Amino acid sequence: MAKAKIHITLKQGVLDPQGKAVRHALDSLGFTGVTQVRIGKLIEIDLAGGDRAAQEAQVRDMCERLLANTVIEEYTFEIA
């Protein structure tokens, strides 16, 4: 069995209000050296069977069709 770890983040240039709120909160707590925070998602999926190329194609298809909004988000993944 393989495990896919998918990292989804907003594309550069897309406003991240959640990241901005966290940066402001960190500043309020005295962490003044933080200049930017970007919030993302980590999704872990267990994959059964198939060869490496088929698993990569399947994960890419999952991301394109459901997991990531490719208009405003980008994704990377690794399979272990």
PDB file of N, CA and C in Angstrom:
ATOM      1  N   MET A   1       0.854  -1.181   0.000  1.00  0.00           N
ATOM      2  CA  MET A   1       0.000   0.000   0.000  1.00  0.00           C
ATOM      3  C   MET A   1       0.897   1.241   0.000  1.00  0.00           C
ATOM      4  N   ALA A   2       0.521   2.223  -0.769  1.00  0.00           N
ATOM      5  CA  ALA A   2       1.268   3.475  -0.854  1.00  0.00           C
ATOM      6  C   ALA A   2       0.440   4.597  -0.233  1.00  0.00           C
ATOM      7  N   LYS A   3       1.142   5.633   0.210  1.00  0.00           N
ATOM      8  CA  LYS A   3       0.467   6.801   0.774  1.00  0.00           C
ATOM      9  C   LYS A   3       0.837   8.014  -0.063  1.00  0.00           C
ATOM     10  N   ALA A   4      -0.183   8.738  -0.515  1.00  0.00           N
ATOM     11  CA  ALA A   4       0.029   9.981  -1.249  1.00  0.00           C
ATOM     12  C   ALA A   4      -0.157  11.142  -0.281  1.00  0.00           C
ATOM     13  N   LYS A   5       0.798  12.067  -0.272  1.00  0.00           N
ATOM     14  CA  LYS A   5       0.692  13.300   0.501  1.00  0.00           C
ATOM     15  C   LYS A   5       0.568  14.442  -0.497  1.00  0.00           C
ATOM     16  N   ILE A   6      -0.564  15.129  -0.430  1.00  0.00           N
ATOM     17  CA  ILE A   6      -0.878  16.193  -1.379  1.00  0.00           C
ATOM     18  C   ILE A   6      -0.870  17.528  -0.641  1.00  0.00           C
ATOM     19  N   HIS A   7      -0.069  18.466  -1.133  1.00  0.00           N
ATOM     20  CA  HIS A   7       0.022  19.805  -0.551  1.00  0.00           C
ATOM     21  C   HIS A   7      -0.669  20.781  -1.499  1.00  0.00           C
ATOM     22  N   ILE A   8      -1.660  21.491  -0.986  1.00  0.00           N
ATOM     23  CA  ILE A   8      -2.415  22.439  -1.801  1.00  0.00           C
ATOM     24  C   ILE A   8      -2.254  23.830  -1.195  1.00  0.00           C
ATOM     25  N   THR A   9      -1.857  24.787  -2.018  1.00  0.00           N
ATOM     26  CA  THR A   9      -1.684  26.164  -1.569  1.00  0.00           C
ATOM     27  C   THR A   9      -2.300  27.111  -2.590  1.00  0.00           C
ATOM     28  N   LEU A  10      -2.582  28.320  -2.152  1.00  0.00           N
ATOM     29  CA  LEU A  10      -3.061  29.340  -3.072  1.00  0.00           C
ATOM     30  C   LEU A  10      -1.928  29.744  -4.010  1.00  0.00           C
ATOM     31  N   LYS A  11      -2.269  30.030  -5.256  1.00  0.00           N
ATOM     32  CA  LYS A  11      -1.273  30.506  -6.210  1.00  0.00           C
ATOM     33  C   LYS A  11      -0.749  31.861  -5.763  1.00  0.00           C
ATOM     34  N   GLN A  12       0.492  32.153  -6.152  1.00  0.00           N
ATOM     35  CA  GLN A  12       1.053  33.466  -5.868  1.00  0.00           C
ATOM     36  C   GLN A  12       0.168  34.526  -6.522  1.00  0.00           C
ATOM     37  N   GLY A  13      -0.046  35.610  -5.826  1.00  0.00           N
ATOM     38  CA  GLY A  13      -0.881  36.688  -6.346  1.00  0.00           C
ATOM     39  C   GLY A  13      -2.330  36.583  -5.916  1.00  0.00           C
ATOM     40  N   VAL A  14      -2.751  35.424  -5.400  1.00  0.00           N
ATOM     41  CA  VAL A  14      -4.110  35.269  -4.898  1.00  0.00           C
ATOM     42  C   VAL A  14      -4.112  35.690  -3.436  1.00  0.00           C
ATOM     43  N   LEU A  15      -5.012  36.579  -3.079  1.00  0.00           N
ATOM     44  CA  LEU A  15      -5.070  37.059  -1.698  1.00  0.00           C
ATOM     45  C   LEU A  15      -5.387  35.909  -0.749  1.00  0.00           C
ATOM     46  N   ASP A  16      -4.741  35.926   0.417  1.00  0.00           N
ATOM     47  CA  ASP A  16      -4.914  34.881   1.426  1.00  0.00           C
ATOM     48  C   ASP A  16      -5.368  35.543   2.732  1.00  0.00           C
ATOM     49  N   PRO A  17      -6.676  35.813   2.888  1.00  0.00           N
ATOM     50  CA  PRO A  17      -7.152  36.498   4.092  1.00  0.00           C
ATOM     51  C   PRO A  17      -6.887  35.702   5.370  1.00  0.00           C
ATOM     52  N   GLN A  18      -6.936  34.394   5.297  1.00  0.00           N
ATOM     53  CA  GLN A  18      -6.653  33.577   6.473  1.00  0.00           C
ATOM     54  C   GLN A  18      -5.179  33.716   6.875  1.00  0.00           C
ATOM     55  N   GLY A  19      -4.296  33.693   5.903  1.00  0.00           N
ATOM     56  CA  GLY A  19      -2.878  33.888   6.176  1.00  0.00           C
ATOM     57  C   GLY A  19      -2.605  35.270   6.752  1.00  0.00           C
ATOM     58  N   LYS A  20      -3.300  36.274   6.223  1.00  0.00           N
ATOM     59  CA  LYS A  20      -3.131  37.639   6.735  1.00  0.00           C
ATOM     60  C   LYS A  20      -3.581  37.738   8.184  1.00  0.00           C
ATOM     61  N   ALA A  21      -4.691  37.081   8.522  1.00  0.00           N
ATOM     62  CA  ALA A  21      -5.187  37.091   9.903  1.00  0.00           C
ATOM     63  C   ALA A  21      -4.199  36.402  10.843  1.00  0.00           C
ATOM     64  N   VAL A  22      -3.613  35.302  10.407  1.00  0.00           N
ATOM     65  CA  VAL A  22      -2.630  34.598  11.232  1.00  0.00           C
ATOM     66  C   VAL A  22      -1.378  35.451  11.414  1.00  0.00           C
ATOM     67  N   ARG A  23      -0.906  36.092  10.335  1.00  0.00           N
ATOM     68  CA  ARG A  23       0.263  36.967  10.455  1.00  0.00           C
ATOM     69  C   ARG A  23       0.007  38.080  11.451  1.00  0.00           C
ATOM     70  N   HIS A  24      -1.191  38.684  11.395  1.00  0.00           N
ATOM     71  CA  HIS A  24      -1.550  39.756  12.328  1.00  0.00           C
ATOM     72  C   HIS A  24      -1.581  39.224  13.763  1.00  0.00           C
ATOM     73  N   ALA A  25      -2.153  38.031  13.956  1.00  0.00           N
ATOM     74  CA  ALA A  25      -2.212  37.440  15.294  1.00  0.00           C
ATOM     75  C   ALA A  25      -0.813  37.144  15.826  1.00  0.00           C
ATOM     76  N   LEU A  26       0.063  36.642  14.966  1.00  0.00           N
ATOM     77  CA  LEU A  26       1.440  36.386  15.392  1.00  0.00           C
ATOM     78  C   LEU A  26       2.128  37.676  15.811  1.00  0.00           C
ATOM     79  N   ASP A  27       1.900  38.735  15.036  1.00  0.00           N
ATOM     80  CA  ASP A  27       2.456  40.042  15.376  1.00  0.00           C
ATOM     81  C   ASP A  27       1.937  40.503  16.737  1.00  0.00           C
ATOM     82  N   SER A  28       0.649  40.303  17.002  1.00  0.00           N
ATOM     83  CA  SER A  28       0.049  40.684  18.281  1.00  0.00           C
ATOM     84  C   SER A  28       0.653  39.913  19.441  1.00  0.00           C
ATOM     85  N   LEU A  29       1.116  38.708  19.170  1.00  0.00           N
ATOM     86  CA  LEU A  29       1.726  37.874  20.214  1.00  0.00           C
ATOM     87  C   LEU A  29       3.224  38.140  20.376  1.00  0.00           C
ATOM     88  N   GLY A  30       3.743  39.093  19.622  1.00  0.00           N
ATOM     89  CA  GLY A  30       5.143  39.468  19.764  1.00  0.00           C
ATOM     90  C   GLY A  30       6.084  38.834  18.753  1.00  0.00           C
ATOM     91  N   PHE A  31       5.575  38.078  17.806  1.00  0.00           N
ATOM     92  CA  PHE A  31       6.410  37.482  16.769  1.00  0.00           C
ATOM     93  C   PHE A  31       6.521  38.478  15.616  1.00  0.00           C
ATOM     94  N   THR A  32       7.346  39.501  15.809  1.00  0.00           N
ATOM     95  CA  THR A  32       7.393  40.629  14.884  1.00  0.00           C
ATOM     96  C   THR A  32       8.200  40.367  13.622  1.00  0.00           C
ATOM     97  N   GLY A  33       8.956  39.297  13.564  1.00  0.00           N
ATOM     98  CA  GLY A  33       9.784  39.022  12.398  1.00  0.00           C
ATOM     99  C   GLY A  33       9.048  38.339  11.265  1.00  0.00           C
ATOM    100  N   VAL A  34       7.778  38.023  11.448  1.00  0.00           N
ATOM    101  CA  VAL A  34       7.015  37.319  10.405  1.00  0.00           C
ATOM    102  C   VAL A  34       6.480  38.350   9.416  1.00  0.00           C
ATOM    103  N   THR A  35       6.829  38.185   8.140  1.00  0.00           N
ATOM    104  CA  THR A  35       6.393  39.164   7.139  1.00  0.00           C
ATOM    105  C   THR A  35       5.239  38.668   6.284  1.00  0.00           C
ATOM    106  N   GLN A  36       5.091  37.346   6.167  1.00  0.00           N
ATOM    107  CA  GLN A  36       3.996  36.808   5.365  1.00  0.00           C
ATOM    108  C   GLN A  36       3.666  35.399   5.833  1.00  0.00           C
ATOM    109  N   VAL A  37       2.371  35.062   5.809  1.00  0.00           N
ATOM    110  CA  VAL A  37       1.900  33.712   6.117  1.00  0.00           C
ATOM    111  C   VAL A  37       0.965  33.292   4.994  1.00  0.00           C
ATOM    112  N   ARG A  38       1.168  32.091   4.482  1.00  0.00           N
ATOM    113  CA  ARG A  38       0.278  31.517   3.477  1.00  0.00           C
ATOM    114  C   ARG A  38      -0.280  30.229   4.080  1.00  0.00           C
ATOM    115  N   ILE A  39      -1.582  30.072   4.029  1.00  0.00           N
ATOM    116  CA  ILE A  39      -2.256  28.906   4.588  1.00  0.00           C
ATOM    117  C   ILE A  39      -2.548  27.920   3.453  1.00  0.00           C
ATOM    118  N   GLY A  40      -2.354  26.643   3.720  1.00  0.00           N
ATOM    119  CA  GLY A  40      -2.616  25.614   2.733  1.00  0.00           C
ATOM    120  C   GLY A  40      -3.271  24.403   3.365  1.00  0.00           C
ATOM    121  N   LYS A  41      -3.350  23.333   2.584  1.00  0.00           N
ATOM    122  CA  LYS A  41      -3.955  22.083   3.048  1.00  0.00           C
ATOM    123  C   LYS A  41      -2.988  20.939   2.780  1.00  0.00           C
ATOM    124  N   LEU A  42      -3.040  19.947   3.657  1.00  0.00           N
ATOM    125  CA  LEU A  42      -2.329  18.693   3.452  1.00  0.00           C
ATOM    126  C   LEU A  42      -3.365  17.588   3.460  1.00  0.00           C
ATOM    127  N   ILE A  43      -3.386  16.802   2.406  1.00  0.00           N
ATOM    128  CA  ILE A  43      -4.320  15.679   2.297  1.00  0.00           C
ATOM    129  C   ILE A  43      -3.489  14.411   2.150  1.00  0.00           C
ATOM    130  N   GLU A  44      -3.780  13.403   2.966  1.00  0.00           N
ATOM    131  CA  GLU A  44      -3.112  12.111   2.872  1.00  0.00           C
ATOM    132  C   GLU A  44      -4.116  11.071   2.397  1.00  0.00           C
ATOM    133  N   ILE A  45      -3.722  10.302   1.398  1.00  0.00           N
ATOM    134  CA  ILE A  45      -4.600   9.285   0.818  1.00  0.00           C
ATOM    135  C   ILE A  45      -3.829   7.976   0.724  1.00  0.00           C
ATOM    136  N   ASP A  46      -4.414   6.893   1.214  1.00  0.00           N
ATOM    137  CA  ASP A  46      -3.832   5.566   1.062  1.00  0.00           C
ATOM    138  C   ASP A  46      -4.270   4.992  -0.280  1.00  0.00           C
ATOM    139  N   LEU A  47      -3.304   4.489  -1.027  1.00  0.00           N
ATOM    140  CA  LEU A  47      -3.563   3.928  -2.354  1.00  0.00           C
ATOM    141  C   LEU A  47      -3.245   2.435  -2.351  1.00  0.00           C
ATOM    142  N   ALA A  48      -4.148   1.640  -2.865  1.00  0.00           N
ATOM    143  CA  ALA A  48      -3.935   0.199  -2.947  1.00  0.00           C
ATOM    144  C   ALA A  48      -3.620  -0.189  -4.384  1.00  0.00           C
ATOM    145  N   GLY A  49      -2.614  -1.007  -4.554  1.00  0.00           N
ATOM    146  CA  GLY A  49      -2.309  -1.588  -5.852  1.00  0.00           C
ATOM    147  C   GLY A  49      -1.837  -0.604  -6.901  1.00  0.00           C
ATOM    148  N   GLY A  50      -1.557  -1.144  -8.074  1.00  0.00           N
ATOM    149  CA  GLY A  50      -1.122  -0.328  -9.201  1.00  0.00           C
ATOM    150  C   GLY A  50       0.361  -0.020  -9.148  1.00  0.00           C
ATOM    151  N   ASP A  51       0.910   0.309 -10.302  1.00  0.00           N
ATOM    152  CA  ASP A  51       2.317   0.697 -10.328  1.00  0.00           C
ATOM    153  C   ASP A  51       2.446   2.194 -10.056  1.00  0.00           C
ATOM    154  N   ARG A  52       3.666   2.635  -9.913  1.00  0.00           N
ATOM    155  CA  ARG A  52       3.942   4.025  -9.529  1.00  0.00           C
ATOM    156  C   ARG A  52       3.342   5.019 -10.530  1.00  0.00           C
ATOM    157  N   ALA A  53       3.498   4.781 -11.799  1.00  0.00           N
ATOM    158  CA  ALA A  53       2.983   5.698 -12.819  1.00  0.00           C
ATOM    159  C   ALA A  53       1.458   5.784 -12.761  1.00  0.00           C
ATOM    160  N   ALA A  54       0.797   4.657 -12.544  1.00  0.00           N
ATOM    161  CA  ALA A  54      -0.669   4.653 -12.448  1.00  0.00           C
ATOM    162  C   ALA A  54      -1.131   5.398 -11.204  1.00  0.00           C
ATOM    163  N   GLN A  55      -0.405   5.228 -10.089  1.00  0.00           N
ATOM    164  CA  GLN A  55      -0.765   5.939  -8.859  1.00  0.00           C
ATOM    165  C   GLN A  55      -0.596   7.443  -9.034  1.00  0.00           C
ATOM    166  N   GLU A  56       0.496   7.861  -9.655  1.00  0.00           N
ATOM    167  CA  GLU A  56       0.719   9.293  -9.890  1.00  0.00           C
ATOM    168  C   GLU A  56      -0.372   9.872 -10.778  1.00  0.00           C
ATOM    169  N   ALA A  57      -0.742   9.156 -11.821  1.00  0.00           N
ATOM    170  CA  ALA A  57      -1.805   9.624 -12.721  1.00  0.00           C
ATOM    171  C   ALA A  57      -3.131   9.731 -11.975  1.00  0.00           C
ATOM    172  N   GLN A  58      -3.398   8.757 -11.112  1.00  0.00           N
ATOM    173  CA  GLN A  58      -4.645   8.765 -10.345  1.00  0.00           C
ATOM    174  C   GLN A  58      -4.687   9.952  -9.374  1.00  0.00           C
ATOM    175  N   VAL A  59      -3.589  10.205  -8.674  1.00  0.00           N
ATOM    176  CA  VAL A  59      -3.548  11.323  -7.723  1.00  0.00           C
ATOM    177  C   VAL A  59      -3.675  12.647  -8.467  1.00  0.00           C
ATOM    178  N   ARG A  60      -2.989  12.785  -9.592  1.00  0.00           N
ATOM    179  CA  ARG A  60      -3.084  14.013 -10.395  1.00  0.00           C
ATOM    180  C   ARG A  60      -4.534  14.246 -10.833  1.00  0.00           C
ATOM    181  N   ASP A  61      -5.206  13.185 -11.264  1.00  0.00           N
ATOM    182  CA  ASP A  61      -6.605  13.281 -11.688  1.00  0.00           C
ATOM    183  C   ASP A  61      -7.499  13.681 -10.512  1.00  0.00           C
ATOM    184  N   MET A  62      -7.249  13.112  -9.333  1.00  0.00           N
ATOM    185  CA  MET A  62      -8.020  13.477  -8.130  1.00  0.00           C
ATOM    186  C   MET A  62      -7.872  14.972  -7.832  1.00  0.00           C
ATOM    187  N   CYS A  63      -6.644  15.455  -7.934  1.00  0.00           N
ATOM    188  CA  CYS A  63      -6.389  16.869  -7.652  1.00  0.00           C
ATOM    189  C   CYS A  63      -7.079  17.772  -8.663  1.00  0.00           C
ATOM    190  N   GLU A  64      -6.956  17.421  -9.934  1.00  0.00           N
ATOM    191  CA  GLU A  64      -7.530  18.246 -10.996  1.00  0.00           C
ATOM    192  C   GLU A  64      -9.054  18.265 -10.964  1.00  0.00           C
ATOM    193  N   ARG A  65      -9.653  17.145 -10.589  1.00  0.00           N
ATOM    194  CA  ARG A  65     -11.109  17.028 -10.659  1.00  0.00           C
ATOM    195  C   ARG A  65     -11.824  17.370  -9.360  1.00  0.00           C
ATOM    196  N   LEU A  66     -11.147  17.247  -8.199  1.00  0.00           N
ATOM    197  CA  LEU A  66     -11.860  17.433  -6.939  1.00  0.00           C
ATOM    198  C   LEU A  66     -11.072  18.160  -5.858  1.00  0.00           C
ATOM    199  N   LEU A  67      -9.860  17.735  -5.599  1.00  0.00           N
ATOM    200  CA  LEU A  67      -9.169  18.177  -4.391  1.00  0.00           C
ATOM    201  C   LEU A  67      -8.670  19.622  -4.435  1.00  0.00           C
ATOM    202  N   ALA A  68      -8.266  20.090  -5.598  1.00  0.00           N
ATOM    203  CA  ALA A  68      -7.728  21.453  -5.719  1.00  0.00           C
ATOM    204  C   ALA A  68      -8.589  22.268  -6.680  1.00  0.00           C
ATOM    205  N   ASN A  69      -8.792  23.515  -6.335  1.00  0.00           N
ATOM    206  CA  ASN A  69      -9.434  24.453  -7.250  1.00  0.00           C
ATOM    207  C   ASN A  69      -8.308  25.060  -8.082  1.00  0.00           C
ATOM    208  N   THR A  70      -8.059  24.490  -9.247  1.00  0.00           N
ATOM    209  CA  THR A  70      -6.877  24.861 -10.016  1.00  0.00           C
ATOM    210  C   THR A  70      -6.927  26.277 -10.589  1.00  0.00           C
ATOM    211  N   VAL A  71      -8.046  26.953 -10.451  1.00  0.00           N
ATOM    212  CA  VAL A  71      -8.111  28.352 -10.875  1.00  0.00           C
ATOM    213  C   VAL A  71      -7.301  29.218  -9.908  1.00  0.00           C
ATOM    214  N   ILE A  72      -7.383  28.918  -8.605  1.00  0.00           N
ATOM    215  CA  ILE A  72      -6.701  29.748  -7.604  1.00  0.00           C
ATOM    216  C   ILE A  72      -5.689  28.981  -6.761  1.00  0.00           C
ATOM    217  N   GLU A  73      -5.637  27.656  -6.906  1.00  0.00           N
ATOM    218  CA  GLU A  73      -4.732  26.855  -6.089  1.00  0.00           C
ATOM    219  C   GLU A  73      -3.771  26.065  -6.974  1.00  0.00           C
ATOM    220  N   GLU A  74      -2.613  25.743  -6.365  1.00  0.00           N
ATOM    221  CA  GLU A  74      -1.667  24.844  -7.004  1.00  0.00           C
ATOM    222  C   GLU A  74      -1.391  23.700  -6.042  1.00  0.00           C
ATOM    223  N   TYR A  75      -0.920  22.602  -6.579  1.00  0.00           N
ATOM    224  CA  TYR A  75      -0.695  21.445  -5.728  1.00  0.00           C
ATOM    225  C   TYR A  75       0.599  20.737  -6.118  1.00  0.00           C
ATOM    226  N   THR A  76       1.167  20.069  -5.142  1.00  0.00           N
ATOM    227  CA  THR A  76       2.265  19.152  -5.352  1.00  0.00           C
ATOM    228  C   THR A  76       1.927  17.894  -4.568  1.00  0.00           C
ATOM    229  N   PHE A  77       2.525  16.788  -4.954  1.00  0.00           N
ATOM    230  CA  PHE A  77       2.283  15.573  -4.194  1.00  0.00           C
ATOM    231  C   PHE A  77       3.495  14.673  -4.243  1.00  0.00           C
ATOM    232  N   GLU A  78       3.551  13.781  -3.261  1.00  0.00           N
ATOM    233  CA  GLU A  78       4.570  12.761  -3.216  1.00  0.00           C
ATOM    234  C   GLU A  78       3.903  11.452  -2.844  1.00  0.00           C
ATOM    235  N   ILE A  79       4.425  10.376  -3.339  1.00  0.00           N
ATOM    236  CA  ILE A  79       3.882   9.057  -3.020  1.00  0.00           C
ATOM    237  C   ILE A  79       4.997   8.245  -2.377  1.00  0.00           C
ATOM    238  N   ALA A  80       4.712   7.711  -1.207  1.00  0.00           N
ATOM    239  CA  ALA A  80       5.707   6.918  -0.473  1.00  0.00           C
ATOM    240  C   ALA A  80       5.212   5.509  -0.282  1.00  0.00           C
TER     241      ALA A  80
END
